[in-house]
Amino acid sequence: AGAALVNEAAVTGESAPVVRESGGDRSAVTGGTEVIANSIVVR
């Protein structure tokens, strides 16, 4: 549920945040990354 900007530098080394949202092919999130804006529900 929801969509958010996520900083994945902990995993990829890249500082540019990426969008993670429900219902698509970009729904997976990794532990240790940080949400920059908005809120999401993660299973």
PDB file of all heavy atoms in Angstrom:
ATOM      1  N   ALA A   1       0.850  -1.189   0.000  1.00  0.00           N
ATOM      2  CA  ALA A   1       0.000   0.000   0.000  1.00  0.00           C
ATOM      3  C   ALA A   1       0.885   1.239   0.000  1.00  0.00           C
ATOM      4  O   ALA A   1       1.900   1.288   0.691  1.00  0.00           O
ATOM      5  CB  ALA A   1      -0.926   0.014   1.217  1.00  0.00           C
ATOM      6  N   GLY A   2       0.473   2.235  -0.800  1.00  0.00           N
ATOM      7  CA  GLY A   2       1.196   3.490  -0.839  1.00  0.00           C
ATOM      8  C   GLY A   2       2.361   3.495  -1.811  1.00  0.00           C
ATOM      9  O   GLY A   2       2.634   2.509  -2.509  1.00  0.00           O
ATOM     10  N   ALA A   3       3.034   4.636  -1.870  1.00  0.00           N
ATOM     11  CA  ALA A   3       4.221   4.820  -2.714  1.00  0.00           C
ATOM     12  C   ALA A   3       5.151   5.775  -1.981  1.00  0.00           C
ATOM     13  O   ALA A   3       4.702   6.678  -1.279  1.00  0.00           O
ATOM     14  CB  ALA A   3       3.840   5.385  -4.082  1.00  0.00           C
ATOM     15  N   ALA A   4       6.463   5.567  -2.131  1.00  0.00           N
ATOM     16  CA  ALA A   4       7.422   6.396  -1.400  1.00  0.00           C
ATOM     17  C   ALA A   4       8.729   6.503  -2.161  1.00  0.00           C
ATOM     18  O   ALA A   4       9.051   5.659  -3.005  1.00  0.00           O
ATOM     19  CB  ALA A   4       7.676   5.818  -0.010  1.00  0.00           C
ATOM     20  N   LEU A   5       9.471   7.586  -1.849  1.00  0.00           N
ATOM     21  CA  LEU A   5      10.841   7.717  -2.340  1.00  0.00           C
ATOM     22  C   LEU A   5      11.758   7.015  -1.345  1.00  0.00           C
ATOM     23  O   LEU A   5      11.669   7.259  -0.141  1.00  0.00           O
ATOM     24  CB  LEU A   5      11.233   9.191  -2.447  1.00  0.00           C
ATOM     25  CG  LEU A   5      10.833   9.942  -3.715  1.00  0.00           C
ATOM     26  CD1 LEU A   5      11.248  11.402  -3.589  1.00  0.00           C
ATOM     27  CD2 LEU A   5      11.462   9.328  -4.944  1.00  0.00           C
ATOM     28  N   VAL A   6      12.623   6.152  -1.857  1.00  0.00           N
ATOM     29  CA  VAL A   6      13.482   5.355  -0.990  1.00  0.00           C
ATOM     30  C   VAL A   6      14.942   5.588  -1.348  1.00  0.00           C
ATOM     31  O   VAL A   6      15.321   5.555  -2.530  1.00  0.00           O
ATOM     32  CB  VAL A   6      13.142   3.852  -1.109  1.00  0.00           C
ATOM     33  CG1 VAL A   6      14.050   3.018  -0.216  1.00  0.00           C
ATOM     34  CG2 VAL A   6      11.675   3.607  -0.751  1.00  0.00           C
ATOM     35  N   ASN A   7      15.767   5.831  -0.340  1.00  0.00           N
ATOM     36  CA  ASN A   7      17.208   5.958  -0.522  1.00  0.00           C
ATOM     37  C   ASN A   7      17.823   4.564  -0.372  1.00  0.00           C
ATOM     38  O   ASN A   7      17.835   3.996   0.721  1.00  0.00           O
ATOM     39  CB  ASN A   7      17.789   6.921   0.518  1.00  0.00           C
ATOM     40  CG  ASN A   7      19.302   7.023   0.425  1.00  0.00           C
ATOM     41  OD1 ASN A   7      19.912   6.531  -0.517  1.00  0.00           O
ATOM     42  ND2 ASN A   7      19.902   7.676   1.397  1.00  0.00           N
ATOM     43  N   GLU A   8      18.364   3.998  -1.466  1.00  0.00           N
ATOM     44  CA  GLU A   8      18.913   2.644  -1.445  1.00  0.00           C
ATOM     45  C   GLU A   8      20.435   2.642  -1.467  1.00  0.00           C
ATOM     46  O   GLU A   8      21.064   1.668  -1.871  1.00  0.00           O
ATOM     47  CB  GLU A   8      18.370   1.846  -2.636  1.00  0.00           C
ATOM     48  CG  GLU A   8      16.868   1.629  -2.561  1.00  0.00           C
ATOM     49  CD  GLU A   8      16.353   0.665  -3.605  1.00  0.00           C
ATOM     50  OE1 GLU A   8      17.051   0.491  -4.630  1.00  0.00           O
ATOM     51  OE2 GLU A   8      15.276   0.085  -3.403  1.00  0.00           O
ATOM     52  N   ALA A   9      21.040   3.739  -1.033  1.00  0.00           N
ATOM     53  CA  ALA A   9      22.502   3.828  -1.052  1.00  0.00           C
ATOM     54  C   ALA A   9      23.151   2.725  -0.223  1.00  0.00           C
ATOM     55  O   ALA A   9      24.262   2.302  -0.511  1.00  0.00           O
ATOM     56  CB  ALA A   9      22.954   5.198  -0.527  1.00  0.00           C
ATOM     57  N   ALA A  10      22.453   2.236   0.787  1.00  0.00           N
ATOM     58  CA  ALA A  10      23.015   1.181   1.624  1.00  0.00           C
ATOM     59  C   ALA A  10      23.266  -0.092   0.831  1.00  0.00           C
ATOM     60  O   ALA A  10      24.134  -0.886   1.167  1.00  0.00           O
ATOM     61  CB  ALA A  10      22.065   0.877   2.778  1.00  0.00           C
ATOM     62  N   VAL A  11      22.497  -0.287  -0.237  1.00  0.00           N
ATOM     63  CA  VAL A  11      22.619  -1.505  -1.032  1.00  0.00           C
ATOM     64  C   VAL A  11      23.352  -1.245  -2.339  1.00  0.00           C
ATOM     65  O   VAL A  11      24.263  -1.975  -2.718  1.00  0.00           O
ATOM     66  CB  VAL A  11      21.223  -2.100  -1.319  1.00  0.00           C
ATOM     67  CG1 VAL A  11      21.328  -3.291  -2.259  1.00  0.00           C
ATOM     68  CG2 VAL A  11      20.554  -2.507  -0.018  1.00  0.00           C
ATOM     69  N   THR A  12      22.965  -0.180  -3.035  1.00  0.00           N
ATOM     70  CA  THR A  12      23.511   0.052  -4.373  1.00  0.00           C
ATOM     71  C   THR A  12      24.696   0.994  -4.393  1.00  0.00           C
ATOM     72  O   THR A  12      25.441   1.026  -5.370  1.00  0.00           O
ATOM     73  CB  THR A  12      22.430   0.643  -5.296  1.00  0.00           C
ATOM     74  OG1 THR A  12      22.082   1.956  -4.831  1.00  0.00           O
ATOM     75  CG2 THR A  12      21.184  -0.224  -5.304  1.00  0.00           C
ATOM     76  N   GLY A  13      24.847   1.822  -3.345  1.00  0.00           N
ATOM     77  CA  GLY A  13      25.915   2.816  -3.356  1.00  0.00           C
ATOM     78  C   GLY A  13      25.510   4.087  -4.072  1.00  0.00           C
ATOM     79  O   GLY A  13      26.255   5.059  -4.084  1.00  0.00           O
ATOM     80  N   GLU A  14      24.320   4.111  -4.678  1.00  0.00           N
ATOM     81  CA  GLU A  14      23.845   5.299  -5.384  1.00  0.00           C
ATOM     82  C   GLU A  14      23.002   6.142  -4.439  1.00  0.00           C
ATOM     83  O   GLU A  14      22.175   5.623  -3.687  1.00  0.00           O
ATOM     84  CB  GLU A  14      23.009   4.893  -6.603  1.00  0.00           C
ATOM     85  CG  GLU A  14      23.792   4.091  -7.639  1.00  0.00           C
ATOM     86  CD  GLU A  14      24.895   4.913  -8.284  1.00  0.00           C
ATOM     87  OE1 GLU A  14      24.749   6.148  -8.371  1.00  0.00           O
ATOM     88  OE2 GLU A  14      25.898   4.325  -8.694  1.00  0.00           O
ATOM     89  N   SER A  15      23.212   7.452  -4.490  1.00  0.00           N
ATOM     90  CA  SER A  15      22.513   8.337  -3.560  1.00  0.00           C
ATOM     91  C   SER A  15      21.155   8.800  -4.081  1.00  0.00           C
ATOM     92  O   SER A  15      20.340   9.287  -3.310  1.00  0.00           O
ATOM     93  CB  SER A  15      23.379   9.562  -3.258  1.00  0.00           C
ATOM     94  OG  SER A  15      23.690  10.243  -4.459  1.00  0.00           O
ATOM     95  N   ALA A  16      20.879   8.684  -5.378  1.00  0.00           N
ATOM     96  CA  ALA A  16      19.618   9.149  -5.930  1.00  0.00           C
ATOM     97  C   ALA A  16      18.475   8.262  -5.439  1.00  0.00           C
ATOM     98  O   ALA A  16      18.523   7.045  -5.593  1.00  0.00           O
ATOM     99  CB  ALA A  16      19.669   9.140  -7.460  1.00  0.00           C
ATOM    100  N   PRO A  17      17.433   8.847  -4.827  1.00  0.00           N
ATOM    101  CA  PRO A  17      16.319   8.029  -4.337  1.00  0.00           C
ATOM    102  C   PRO A  17      15.506   7.464  -5.496  1.00  0.00           C
ATOM    103  O   PRO A  17      15.502   8.005  -6.604  1.00  0.00           O
ATOM    104  CB  PRO A  17      15.495   9.020  -3.515  1.00  0.00           C
ATOM    105  CG  PRO A  17      15.831  10.362  -4.073  1.00  0.00           C
ATOM    106  CD  PRO A  17      17.247  10.281  -4.538  1.00  0.00           C
ATOM    107  N   VAL A  18      14.803   6.368  -5.226  1.00  0.00           N
ATOM    108  CA  VAL A  18      13.989   5.706  -6.245  1.00  0.00           C
ATOM    109  C   VAL A  18      12.578   5.536  -5.707  1.00  0.00           C
ATOM    110  O   VAL A  18      12.352   5.551  -4.494  1.00  0.00           O
ATOM    111  CB  VAL A  18      14.574   4.331  -6.628  1.00  0.00           C
ATOM    112  CG1 VAL A  18      15.896   4.484  -7.346  1.00  0.00           C
ATOM    113  CG2 VAL A  18      14.742   3.451  -5.396  1.00  0.00           C
ATOM    114  N   VAL A  19      11.626   5.368  -6.606  1.00  0.00           N
ATOM    115  CA  VAL A  19      10.227   5.207  -6.216  1.00  0.00           C
ATOM    116  C   VAL A  19       9.936   3.731  -5.985  1.00  0.00           C
ATOM    117  O   VAL A  19      10.294   2.884  -6.805  1.00  0.00           O
ATOM    118  CB  VAL A  19       9.289   5.769  -7.304  1.00  0.00           C
ATOM    119  CG1 VAL A  19       7.829   5.498  -6.941  1.00  0.00           C
ATOM    120  CG2 VAL A  19       9.521   7.259  -7.489  1.00  0.00           C
ATOM    121  N   ARG A  20       9.290   3.436  -4.880  1.00  0.00           N
ATOM    122  CA  ARG A  20       8.804   2.096  -4.604  1.00  0.00           C
ATOM    123  C   ARG A  20       7.309   2.213  -4.331  1.00  0.00           C
ATOM    124  O   ARG A  20       6.880   3.021  -3.506  1.00  0.00           O
ATOM    125  CB  ARG A  20       9.523   1.484  -3.386  1.00  0.00           C
ATOM    126  CG  ARG A  20      10.994   1.227  -3.645  1.00  0.00           C
ATOM    127  CD  ARG A  20      11.178   0.070  -4.618  1.00  0.00           C
ATOM    128  NE  ARG A  20      12.573  -0.084  -4.999  1.00  0.00           N
ATOM    129  CZ  ARG A  20      13.096   0.413  -6.108  1.00  0.00           C
ATOM    130  NH1 ARG A  20      12.323   1.102  -6.926  1.00  0.00           N
ATOM    131  NH2 ARG A  20      14.360   0.214  -6.406  1.00  0.00           N
ATOM    132  N   GLU A  21       6.517   1.397  -5.039  1.00  0.00           N
ATOM    133  CA  GLU A  21       5.068   1.515  -4.940  1.00  0.00           C
ATOM    134  C   GLU A  21       4.415   0.154  -5.045  1.00  0.00           C
ATOM    135  O   GLU A  21       5.018  -0.809  -5.537  1.00  0.00           O
ATOM    136  CB  GLU A  21       4.535   2.439  -6.044  1.00  0.00           C
ATOM    137  CG  GLU A  21       4.903   1.988  -7.449  1.00  0.00           C
ATOM    138  CD  GLU A  21       4.538   3.011  -8.499  1.00  0.00           C
ATOM    139  OE1 GLU A  21       3.792   3.936  -8.172  1.00  0.00           O
ATOM    140  OE2 GLU A  21       5.011   2.881  -9.637  1.00  0.00           O
ATOM    141  N   SER A  22       3.184   0.073  -4.599  1.00  0.00           N
ATOM    142  CA  SER A  22       2.455  -1.189  -4.629  1.00  0.00           C
ATOM    143  C   SER A  22       1.879  -1.438  -6.020  1.00  0.00           C
ATOM    144  O   SER A  22       1.692  -0.509  -6.804  1.00  0.00           O
ATOM    145  CB  SER A  22       1.319  -1.166  -3.603  1.00  0.00           C
ATOM    146  OG  SER A  22       0.390  -0.138  -3.929  1.00  0.00           O
ATOM    147  N   GLY A  23       1.663  -2.709  -6.297  1.00  0.00           N
ATOM    148  CA  GLY A  23       0.941  -3.078  -7.504  1.00  0.00           C
ATOM    149  C   GLY A  23       1.730  -3.091  -8.784  1.00  0.00           C
ATOM    150  O   GLY A  23       1.153  -3.194  -9.860  1.00  0.00           O
ATOM    151  N   GLY A  24       3.035  -2.981  -8.743  1.00  0.00           N
ATOM    152  CA  GLY A  24       3.821  -2.981  -9.972  1.00  0.00           C
ATOM    153  C   GLY A  24       5.053  -3.843  -9.849  1.00  0.00           C
ATOM    154  O   GLY A  24       5.191  -4.647  -8.923  1.00  0.00           O
ATOM    155  N   ASP A  25       5.960  -3.670 -10.812  1.00  0.00           N
ATOM    156  CA  ASP A  25       7.200  -4.429 -10.802  1.00  0.00           C
ATOM    157  C   ASP A  25       8.292  -3.740  -9.991  1.00  0.00           C
ATOM    158  O   ASP A  25       9.433  -4.184  -9.995  1.00  0.00           O
ATOM    159  CB  ASP A  25       7.694  -4.633 -12.252  1.00  0.00           C
ATOM    160  CG  ASP A  25       6.833  -5.628 -13.001  1.00  0.00           C
ATOM    161  OD1 ASP A  25       6.069  -6.356 -12.340  1.00  0.00           O
ATOM    162  OD2 ASP A  25       6.912  -5.667 -14.245  1.00  0.00           O
ATOM    163  N   ARG A  26       7.950  -2.638  -9.317  1.00  0.00           N
ATOM    164  CA  ARG A  26       8.919  -1.941  -8.471  1.00  0.00           C
ATOM    165  C   ARG A  26       8.401  -1.871  -7.038  1.00  0.00           C
ATOM    166  O   ARG A  26       8.406  -0.824  -6.400  1.00  0.00           O
ATOM    167  CB  ARG A  26       9.211  -0.541  -9.027  1.00  0.00           C
ATOM    168  CG  ARG A  26       9.913  -0.602 -10.377  1.00  0.00           C
ATOM    169  CD  ARG A  26      10.238   0.774 -10.920  1.00  0.00           C
ATOM    170  NE  ARG A  26      10.998   0.664 -12.165  1.00  0.00           N
ATOM    171  CZ  ARG A  26      12.314   0.618 -12.251  1.00  0.00           C
ATOM    172  NH1 ARG A  26      13.028   0.682 -11.150  1.00  0.00           N
ATOM    173  NH2 ARG A  26      12.925   0.517 -13.405  1.00  0.00           N
ATOM    174  N   SER A  27       7.937  -3.009  -6.574  1.00  0.00           N
ATOM    175  CA  SER A  27       7.332  -3.055  -5.237  1.00  0.00           C
ATOM    176  C   SER A  27       8.282  -3.591  -4.174  1.00  0.00           C
ATOM    177  O   SER A  27       8.005  -3.462  -2.989  1.00  0.00           O
ATOM    178  CB  SER A  27       6.069  -3.920  -5.270  1.00  0.00           C
ATOM    179  OG  SER A  27       6.391  -5.252  -5.640  1.00  0.00           O
ATOM    180  N   ALA A  28       9.392  -4.225  -4.578  1.00  0.00           N
ATOM    181  CA  ALA A  28      10.293  -4.844  -3.600  1.00  0.00           C
ATOM    182  C   ALA A  28      11.144  -3.784  -2.903  1.00  0.00           C
ATOM    183  O   ALA A  28      11.654  -2.863  -3.539  1.00  0.00           O
ATOM    184  CB  ALA A  28      11.192  -5.864  -4.285  1.00  0.00           C
ATOM    185  N   VAL A  29      11.295  -3.916  -1.594  1.00  0.00           N
ATOM    186  CA  VAL A  29      12.166  -3.041  -0.813  1.00  0.00           C
ATOM    187  C   VAL A  29      13.131  -3.909  -0.020  1.00  0.00           C
ATOM    188  O   VAL A  29      12.854  -5.078   0.264  1.00  0.00           O
ATOM    189  CB  VAL A  29      11.369  -2.128   0.135  1.00  0.00           C
ATOM    190  CG1 VAL A  29      10.572  -1.099  -0.647  1.00  0.00           C
ATOM    191  CG2 VAL A  29      10.451  -2.944   1.040  1.00  0.00           C
ATOM    192  N   THR A  30      14.270  -3.326   0.324  1.00  0.00           N
ATOM    193  CA  THR A  30      15.334  -4.067   1.004  1.00  0.00           C
ATOM    194  C   THR A  30      15.562  -3.502   2.394  1.00  0.00           C
ATOM    195  O   THR A  30      15.607  -2.274   2.569  1.00  0.00           O
ATOM    196  CB  THR A  30      16.634  -3.979   0.179  1.00  0.00           C
ATOM    197  OG1 THR A  30      16.381  -4.475  -1.136  1.00  0.00           O
ATOM    198  CG2 THR A  30      17.737  -4.799   0.820  1.00  0.00           C
ATOM    199  N   GLY A  31      15.706  -4.382   3.370  1.00  0.00           N
ATOM    200  CA  GLY A  31      15.994  -3.948   4.721  1.00  0.00           C
ATOM    201  C   GLY A  31      17.279  -3.151   4.785  1.00  0.00           C
ATOM    202  O   GLY A  31      18.271  -3.499   4.154  1.00  0.00           O
ATOM    203  N   GLY A  32      17.265  -2.067   5.562  1.00  0.00           N
ATOM    204  CA  GLY A  32      18.442  -1.218   5.672  1.00  0.00           C
ATOM    205  C   GLY A  32      18.387   0.009   4.798  1.00  0.00           C
ATOM    206  O   GLY A  32      19.254   0.873   4.899  1.00  0.00           O
ATOM    207  N   THR A  33      17.389   0.098   3.926  1.00  0.00           N
ATOM    208  CA  THR A  33      17.222   1.299   3.112  1.00  0.00           C
ATOM    209  C   THR A  33      16.274   2.266   3.837  1.00  0.00           C
ATOM    210  O   THR A  33      15.587   1.885   4.783  1.00  0.00           O
ATOM    211  CB  THR A  33      16.682   0.950   1.713  1.00  0.00           C
ATOM    212  OG1 THR A  33      15.447   0.215   1.842  1.00  0.00           O
ATOM    213  CG2 THR A  33      17.685   0.088   0.967  1.00  0.00           C
ATOM    214  N   GLU A  34      16.225   3.504   3.383  1.00  0.00           N
ATOM    215  CA  GLU A  34      15.521   4.553   4.128  1.00  0.00           C
ATOM    216  C   GLU A  34      14.478   5.240   3.259  1.00  0.00           C
ATOM    217  O   GLU A  34      14.742   5.595   2.108  1.00  0.00           O
ATOM    218  CB  GLU A  34      16.531   5.597   4.627  1.00  0.00           C
ATOM    219  CG  GLU A  34      15.908   6.701   5.448  1.00  0.00           C
ATOM    220  CD  GLU A  34      16.928   7.745   5.874  1.00  0.00           C
ATOM    221  OE1 GLU A  34      18.092   7.663   5.404  1.00  0.00           O
ATOM    222  OE2 GLU A  34      16.580   8.639   6.652  1.00  0.00           O
ATOM    223  N   VAL A  35      13.285   5.417   3.810  1.00  0.00           N
ATOM    224  CA  VAL A  35      12.217   6.143   3.123  1.00  0.00           C
ATOM    225  C   VAL A  35      12.476   7.644   3.268  1.00  0.00           C
ATOM    226  O   VAL A  35      12.671   8.149   4.380  1.00  0.00           O
ATOM    227  CB  VAL A  35      10.836   5.776   3.696  1.00  0.00           C
ATOM    228  CG1 VAL A  35       9.764   6.720   3.171  1.00  0.00           C
ATOM    229  CG2 VAL A  35      10.489   4.338   3.337  1.00  0.00           C
ATOM    230  N   ILE A  36      12.512   8.332   2.129  1.00  0.00           N
ATOM    231  CA  ILE A  36      12.788   9.777   2.135  1.00  0.00           C
ATOM    232  C   ILE A  36      11.503  10.583   2.259  1.00  0.00           C
ATOM    233  O   ILE A  36      11.451  11.588   2.977  1.00  0.00           O
ATOM    234  CB  ILE A  36      13.531  10.180   0.840  1.00  0.00           C
ATOM    235  CG1 ILE A  36      14.843   9.401   0.724  1.00  0.00           C
ATOM    236  CG2 ILE A  36      13.796  11.677   0.810  1.00  0.00           C
ATOM    237  CD1 ILE A  36      15.808   9.673   1.842  1.00  0.00           C
ATOM    238  N   ALA A  37      10.456  10.157   1.550  1.00  0.00           N
ATOM    239  CA  ALA A  37       9.202  10.917   1.559  1.00  0.00           C
ATOM    240  C   ALA A  37       8.025   9.957   1.405  1.00  0.00           C
ATOM    241  O   ALA A  37       8.150   8.879   0.815  1.00  0.00           O
ATOM    242  CB  ALA A  37       9.188  11.944   0.425  1.00  0.00           C
ATOM    243  N   ASN A  38       6.886  10.344   1.976  1.00  0.00           N
ATOM    244  CA  ASN A  38       5.633   9.593   1.929  1.00  0.00           C
ATOM    245  C   ASN A  38       5.691   8.374   2.852  1.00  0.00           C
ATOM    246  O   ASN A  38       6.679   8.169   3.561  1.00  0.00           O
ATOM    247  CB  ASN A  38       5.266   9.193   0.498  1.00  0.00           C
ATOM    248  CG  ASN A  38       5.121  10.406  -0.403  1.00  0.00           C
ATOM    249  OD1 ASN A  38       4.839  11.507   0.050  1.00  0.00           O
ATOM    250  ND2 ASN A  38       5.335  10.208  -1.686  1.00  0.00           N
ATOM    251  N   SER A  39       4.635   7.578   2.811  1.00  0.00           N
ATOM    252  CA  SER A  39       4.517   6.419   3.692  1.00  0.00           C
ATOM    253  C   SER A  39       4.084   5.204   2.896  1.00  0.00           C
ATOM    254  O   SER A  39       3.338   5.320   1.916  1.00  0.00           O
ATOM    255  CB  SER A  39       3.492   6.689   4.805  1.00  0.00           C
ATOM    256  OG  SER A  39       3.872   7.813   5.572  1.00  0.00           O
ATOM    257  N   ILE A  40       4.526   4.035   3.342  1.00  0.00           N
ATOM    258  CA  ILE A  40       4.173   2.787   2.669  1.00  0.00           C
ATOM    259  C   ILE A  40       3.904   1.704   3.711  1.00  0.00           C
ATOM    260  O   ILE A  40       4.375   1.777   4.840  1.00  0.00           O
ATOM    261  CB  ILE A  40       5.285   2.302   1.717  1.00  0.00           C
ATOM    262  CG1 ILE A  40       6.643   2.284   2.430  1.00  0.00           C
ATOM    263  CG2 ILE A  40       5.340   3.122   0.447  1.00  0.00           C
ATOM    264  CD1 ILE A  40       7.780   1.723   1.589  1.00  0.00           C
ATOM    265  N   VAL A  41       3.122   0.720   3.294  1.00  0.00           N
ATOM    266  CA  VAL A  41       2.933  -0.492   4.085  1.00  0.00           C
ATOM    267  C   VAL A  41       3.724  -1.599   3.405  1.00  0.00           C
ATOM    268  O   VAL A  41       3.587  -1.832   2.198  1.00  0.00           O
ATOM    269  CB  VAL A  41       1.449  -0.879   4.193  1.00  0.00           C
ATOM    270  CG1 VAL A  41       1.302  -2.245   4.883  1.00  0.00           C
ATOM    271  CG2 VAL A  41       0.677   0.176   4.966  1.00  0.00           C
ATOM    272  N   VAL A  42       4.570  -2.282   4.185  1.00  0.00           N
ATOM    273  CA  VAL A  42       5.449  -3.317   3.640  1.00  0.00           C
ATOM    274  C   VAL A  42       5.102  -4.667   4.268  1.00  0.00           C
ATOM    275  O   VAL A  42       4.986  -4.776   5.490  1.00  0.00           O
ATOM    276  CB  VAL A  42       6.932  -2.981   3.921  1.00  0.00           C
ATOM    277  CG1 VAL A  42       7.850  -4.117   3.464  1.00  0.00           C
ATOM    278  CG2 VAL A  42       7.319  -1.672   3.236  1.00  0.00           C
ATOM    279  N   ARG A  43       4.944  -5.660   3.403  1.00  0.00           N
ATOM    280  CA  ARG A  43       4.778  -7.033   3.890  1.00  0.00           C
ATOM    281  C   ARG A  43       6.156  -7.678   3.955  1.00  0.00           C
ATOM    282  O   ARG A  43       6.865  -7.758   2.967  1.00  0.00           O
ATOM    283  CB  ARG A  43       3.870  -7.842   2.956  1.00  0.00           C
ATOM    284  CG  ARG A  43       3.671  -9.293   3.414  1.00  0.00           C
ATOM    285  CD  ARG A  43       2.721 -10.037   2.485  1.00  0.00           C
ATOM    286  NE  ARG A  43       3.281 -10.162   1.155  1.00  0.00           N
ATOM    287  CZ  ARG A  43       4.121 -11.134   0.770  1.00  0.00           C
ATOM    288  NH1 ARG A  43       4.506 -12.057   1.639  1.00  0.00           N
ATOM    289  NH2 ARG A  43       4.578 -11.176  -0.464  1.00  0.00           N
TER     290      ARG A  43
END
